[in-house]
Amino acid sequence: MKEETSRYLRQQARAQIEARDLELINKAADELNEEVEDILRYQRAWAQPCN
């Protein structure tokens, strides 16, 4: 019984760490996506022909 409890607690701790890691990865991805969108807007502005 003690072994099963220990295994369960380790799995729960691992799941919490993985959830936190996923949250950090998603936050970084969102920030990078915003930066790329900003760069693309800037490039499109320069790529438009002058009339």
PDB file of N, CA and C in Angstrom:
ATOM      1  N   MET A   1       0.826  -1.191   0.000  1.00  0.00           N
ATOM      2  CA  MET A   1       0.000   0.000   0.000  1.00  0.00           C
ATOM      3  C   MET A   1       0.876   1.262   0.000  1.00  0.00           C
ATOM      4  N   LYS A   2       1.922   1.261   0.790  1.00  0.00           N
ATOM      5  CA  LYS A   2       2.799   2.417   0.851  1.00  0.00           C
ATOM      6  C   LYS A   2       3.461   2.676  -0.499  1.00  0.00           C
ATOM      7  N   GLU A   3       3.842   1.615  -1.171  1.00  0.00           N
ATOM      8  CA  GLU A   3       4.483   1.747  -2.475  1.00  0.00           C
ATOM      9  C   GLU A   3       3.526   2.365  -3.494  1.00  0.00           C
ATOM     10  N   GLU A   4       2.272   1.938  -3.490  1.00  0.00           N
ATOM     11  CA  GLU A   4       1.277   2.496  -4.414  1.00  0.00           C
ATOM     12  C   GLU A   4       1.038   3.976  -4.126  1.00  0.00           C
ATOM     13  N   THR A   5       1.004   4.332  -2.854  1.00  0.00           N
ATOM     14  CA  THR A   5       0.808   5.733  -2.474  1.00  0.00           C
ATOM     15  C   THR A   5       1.980   6.574  -2.939  1.00  0.00           C
ATOM     16  N   SER A   6       3.183   6.069  -2.748  1.00  0.00           N
ATOM     17  CA  SER A   6       4.373   6.788  -3.199  1.00  0.00           C
ATOM     18  C   SER A   6       4.366   6.956  -4.708  1.00  0.00           C
ATOM     19  N   ARG A   7       4.010   5.910  -5.427  1.00  0.00           N
ATOM     20  CA  ARG A   7       3.955   5.976  -6.885  1.00  0.00           C
ATOM     21  C   ARG A   7       2.911   7.001  -7.323  1.00  0.00           C
ATOM     22  N   TYR A   8       1.752   6.973  -6.673  1.00  0.00           N
ATOM     23  CA  TYR A   8       0.692   7.927  -7.005  1.00  0.00           C
ATOM     24  C   TYR A   8       1.162   9.362  -6.770  1.00  0.00           C
ATOM     25  N   LEU A   9       1.814   9.605  -5.636  1.00  0.00           N
ATOM     26  CA  LEU A   9       2.282  10.958  -5.330  1.00  0.00           C
ATOM     27  C   LEU A   9       3.349  11.416  -6.320  1.00  0.00           C
ATOM     28  N   ARG A  10       4.229  10.512  -6.729  1.00  0.00           N
ATOM     29  CA  ARG A  10       5.234  10.859  -7.747  1.00  0.00           C
ATOM     30  C   ARG A  10       4.574  11.205  -9.082  1.00  0.00           C
ATOM     31  N   GLN A  11       3.567  10.416  -9.450  1.00  0.00           N
ATOM     32  CA  GLN A  11       2.859  10.691 -10.699  1.00  0.00           C
ATOM     33  C   GLN A  11       2.150  12.042 -10.635  1.00  0.00           C
ATOM     34  N   GLN A  12       1.554  12.355  -9.506  1.00  0.00           N
ATOM     35  CA  GLN A  12       0.874  13.642  -9.352  1.00  0.00           C
ATOM     36  C   GLN A  12       1.867  14.794  -9.431  1.00  0.00           C
ATOM     37  N   ALA A  13       3.014  14.633  -8.789  1.00  0.00           N
ATOM     38  CA  ALA A  13       4.043  15.672  -8.822  1.00  0.00           C
ATOM     39  C   ALA A  13       4.551  15.855 -10.254  1.00  0.00           C
ATOM     40  N   ARG A  14       4.768  14.759 -10.959  1.00  0.00           N
ATOM     41  CA  ARG A  14       5.225  14.825 -12.347  1.00  0.00           C
ATOM     42  C   ARG A  14       4.175  15.504 -13.221  1.00  0.00           C
ATOM     43  N   ALA A  15       2.916  15.180 -13.006  1.00  0.00           N
ATOM     44  CA  ALA A  15       1.840  15.790 -13.790  1.00  0.00           C
ATOM     45  C   ALA A  15       1.780  17.299 -13.545  1.00  0.00           C
ATOM     46  N   GLN A  16       1.994  17.717 -12.317  1.00  0.00           N
ATOM     47  CA  GLN A  16       1.997  19.152 -12.013  1.00  0.00           C
ATOM     48  C   GLN A  16       3.167  19.856 -12.706  1.00  0.00           C
ATOM     49  N   ILE A  17       4.326  19.233 -12.670  1.00  0.00           N
ATOM     50  CA  ILE A  17       5.507  19.808 -13.330  1.00  0.00           C
ATOM     51  C   ILE A  17       5.269  19.902 -14.833  1.00  0.00           C
ATOM     52  N   GLU A  18       4.729  18.843 -15.425  1.00  0.00           N
ATOM     53  CA  GLU A  18       4.475  18.843 -16.862  1.00  0.00           C
ATOM     54  C   GLU A  18       3.431  19.889 -17.238  1.00  0.00           C
ATOM     55  N   ALA A  19       2.406  20.058 -16.408  1.00  0.00           N
ATOM     56  CA  ALA A  19       1.385  21.075 -16.674  1.00  0.00           C
ATOM     57  C   ALA A  19       1.998  22.473 -16.603  1.00  0.00           C
ATOM     58  N   ARG A  20       2.862  22.697 -15.619  1.00  0.00           N
ATOM     59  CA  ARG A  20       3.533  23.997 -15.511  1.00  0.00           C
ATOM     60  C   ARG A  20       4.451  24.238 -16.701  1.00  0.00           C
ATOM     61  N   ASP A  21       5.187  23.198 -17.107  1.00  0.00           N
ATOM     62  CA  ASP A  21       6.071  23.319 -18.265  1.00  0.00           C
ATOM     63  C   ASP A  21       5.268  23.649 -19.526  1.00  0.00           C
ATOM     64  N   LEU A  22       4.143  22.971 -19.705  1.00  0.00           N
ATOM     65  CA  LEU A  22       3.301  23.226 -20.865  1.00  0.00           C
ATOM     66  C   LEU A  22       2.772  24.658 -20.852  1.00  0.00           C
ATOM     67  N   GLU A  23       2.403  25.127 -19.685  1.00  0.00           N
ATOM     68  CA  GLU A  23       1.935  26.504 -19.556  1.00  0.00           C
ATOM     69  C   GLU A  23       3.038  27.492 -19.951  1.00  0.00           C
ATOM     70  N   LEU A  24       4.260  27.237 -19.502  1.00  0.00           N
ATOM     71  CA  LEU A  24       5.381  28.111 -19.859  1.00  0.00           C
ATOM     72  C   LEU A  24       5.685  28.062 -21.356  1.00  0.00           C
ATOM     73  N   ILE A  25       5.621  26.874 -21.928  1.00  0.00           N
ATOM     74  CA  ILE A  25       5.869  26.726 -23.362  1.00  0.00           C
ATOM     75  C   ILE A  25       4.808  27.479 -24.155  1.00  0.00           C
ATOM     76  N   ASN A  26       3.547  27.333 -23.768  1.00  0.00           N
ATOM     77  CA  ASN A  26       2.473  28.020 -24.474  1.00  0.00           C
ATOM     78  C   ASN A  26       2.593  29.530 -24.342  1.00  0.00           C
ATOM     79  N   LYS A  27       2.993  30.009 -23.171  1.00  0.00           N
ATOM     80  CA  LYS A  27       3.174  31.446 -22.970  1.00  0.00           C
ATOM     81  C   LYS A  27       4.289  31.966 -23.873  1.00  0.00           C
ATOM     82  N   ALA A  28       5.393  31.246 -23.929  1.00  0.00           N
ATOM     83  CA  ALA A  28       6.510  31.646 -24.790  1.00  0.00           C
ATOM     84  C   ALA A  28       6.092  31.613 -26.262  1.00  0.00           C
ATOM     85  N   ALA A  29       5.334  30.612 -26.654  1.00  0.00           N
ATOM     86  CA  ALA A  29       4.870  30.515 -28.036  1.00  0.00           C
ATOM     87  C   ALA A  29       3.962  31.692 -28.380  1.00  0.00           C
ATOM     88  N   ASP A  30       3.075  32.054 -27.460  1.00  0.00           N
ATOM     89  CA  ASP A  30       2.197  33.204 -27.690  1.00  0.00           C
ATOM     90  C   ASP A  30       3.010  34.482 -27.864  1.00  0.00           C
ATOM     91  N   GLU A  31       4.012  34.672 -27.032  1.00  0.00           N
ATOM     92  CA  GLU A  31       4.851  35.862 -27.130  1.00  0.00           C
ATOM     93  C   GLU A  31       5.620  35.887 -28.448  1.00  0.00           C
ATOM     94  N   LEU A  32       6.148  34.733 -28.856  1.00  0.00           N
ATOM     95  CA  LEU A  32       6.868  34.660 -30.132  1.00  0.00           C
ATOM     96  C   LEU A  32       5.928  34.919 -31.307  1.00  0.00           C
ATOM     97  N   ASN A  33       4.726  34.377 -31.234  1.00  0.00           N
ATOM     98  CA  ASN A  33       3.761  34.606 -32.303  1.00  0.00           C
ATOM     99  C   ASN A  33       3.423  36.081 -32.429  1.00  0.00           C
ATOM    100  N   GLU A  34       3.258  36.763 -31.314  1.00  0.00           N
ATOM    101  CA  GLU A  34       2.987  38.196 -31.346  1.00  0.00           C
ATOM    102  C   GLU A  34       4.153  38.953 -31.978  1.00  0.00           C
ATOM    103  N   GLU A  35       5.363  38.553 -31.633  1.00  0.00           N
ATOM    104  CA  GLU A  35       6.548  39.207 -32.193  1.00  0.00           C
ATOM    105  C   GLU A  35       6.641  38.988 -33.699  1.00  0.00           C
ATOM    106  N   VAL A  36       6.374  37.765 -34.135  1.00  0.00           N
ATOM    107  CA  VAL A  36       6.417  37.462 -35.565  1.00  0.00           C
ATOM    108  C   VAL A  36       5.339  38.252 -36.304  1.00  0.00           C
ATOM    109  N   GLU A  37       4.144  38.322 -35.735  1.00  0.00           N
ATOM    110  CA  GLU A  37       3.080  39.102 -36.369  1.00  0.00           C
ATOM    111  C   GLU A  37       3.493  40.565 -36.507  1.00  0.00           C
ATOM    112  N   ASP A  38       4.139  41.104 -35.504  1.00  0.00           N
ATOM    113  CA  ASP A  38       4.602  42.486 -35.549  1.00  0.00           C
ATOM    114  C   ASP A  38       5.641  42.659 -36.656  1.00  0.00           C
ATOM    115  N   ILE A  39       6.569  41.719 -36.755  1.00  0.00           N
ATOM    116  CA  ILE A  39       7.605  41.777 -37.791  1.00  0.00           C
ATOM    117  C   ILE A  39       6.973  41.691 -39.178  1.00  0.00           C
ATOM    118  N   LEU A  40       6.010  40.797 -39.343  1.00  0.00           N
ATOM    119  CA  LEU A  40       5.364  40.653 -40.647  1.00  0.00           C
ATOM    120  C   LEU A  40       4.586  41.910 -41.023  1.00  0.00           C
ATOM    121  N   ARG A  41       3.923  42.537 -40.056  1.00  0.00           N
ATOM    122  CA  ARG A  41       3.233  43.803 -40.337  1.00  0.00           C
ATOM    123  C   ARG A  41       4.241  44.853 -40.795  1.00  0.00           C
ATOM    124  N   TYR A  42       5.361  44.922 -40.127  1.00  0.00           N
ATOM    125  CA  TYR A  42       6.409  45.882 -40.473  1.00  0.00           C
ATOM    126  C   TYR A  42       6.932  45.613 -41.881  1.00  0.00           C
ATOM    127  N   GLN A  43       7.176  44.349 -42.197  1.00  0.00           N
ATOM    128  CA  GLN A  43       7.682  43.998 -43.522  1.00  0.00           C
ATOM    129  C   GLN A  43       6.665  44.313 -44.611  1.00  0.00           C
ATOM    130  N   ARG A  44       5.386  44.032 -44.340  1.00  0.00           N
ATOM    131  CA  ARG A  44       4.357  44.331 -45.329  1.00  0.00           C
ATOM    132  C   ARG A  44       4.277  45.828 -45.592  1.00  0.00           C
ATOM    133  N   ALA A  45       4.447  46.619 -44.551  1.00  0.00           N
ATOM    134  CA  ALA A  45       4.403  48.067 -44.720  1.00  0.00           C
ATOM    135  C   ALA A  45       5.534  48.533 -45.636  1.00  0.00           C
ATOM    136  N   TRP A  46       6.693  47.944 -45.516  1.00  0.00           N
ATOM    137  CA  TRP A  46       7.830  48.317 -46.354  1.00  0.00           C
ATOM    138  C   TRP A  46       7.724  47.724 -47.747  1.00  0.00           C
ATOM    139  N   ALA A  47       7.038  46.621 -47.892  1.00  0.00           N
ATOM    140  CA  ALA A  47       6.952  45.947 -49.181  1.00  0.00           C
ATOM    141  C   ALA A  47       5.899  46.587 -50.093  1.00  0.00           C
ATOM    142  N   GLN A  48       5.024  47.396 -49.548  1.00  0.00           N
ATOM    143  CA  GLN A  48       3.980  48.023 -50.364  1.00  0.00           C
ATOM    144  C   GLN A  48       4.606  49.072 -51.268  1.00  0.00           C
ATOM    145  N   PRO A  49       4.244  49.057 -52.544  1.00  0.00           N
ATOM    146  CA  PRO A  49       4.820  50.032 -53.476  1.00  0.00           C
ATOM    147  C   PRO A  49       4.322  51.444 -53.169  1.00  0.00           C
ATOM    148  N   CYS A  50       5.187  52.378 -53.404  1.00  0.00           N
ATOM    149  CA  CYS A  50       4.824  53.775 -53.235  1.00  0.00           C
ATOM    150  C   CYS A  50       4.128  54.257 -54.491  1.00  0.00           C
ATOM    151  N   ASN A  51       3.028  54.936 -54.344  1.00  0.00           N
ATOM    152  CA  ASN A  51       2.287  55.436 -55.519  1.00  0.00           C
ATOM    153  C   ASN A  51       2.534  56.898 -55.710  1.00  0.00           C
TER     154      ASN A  51
END
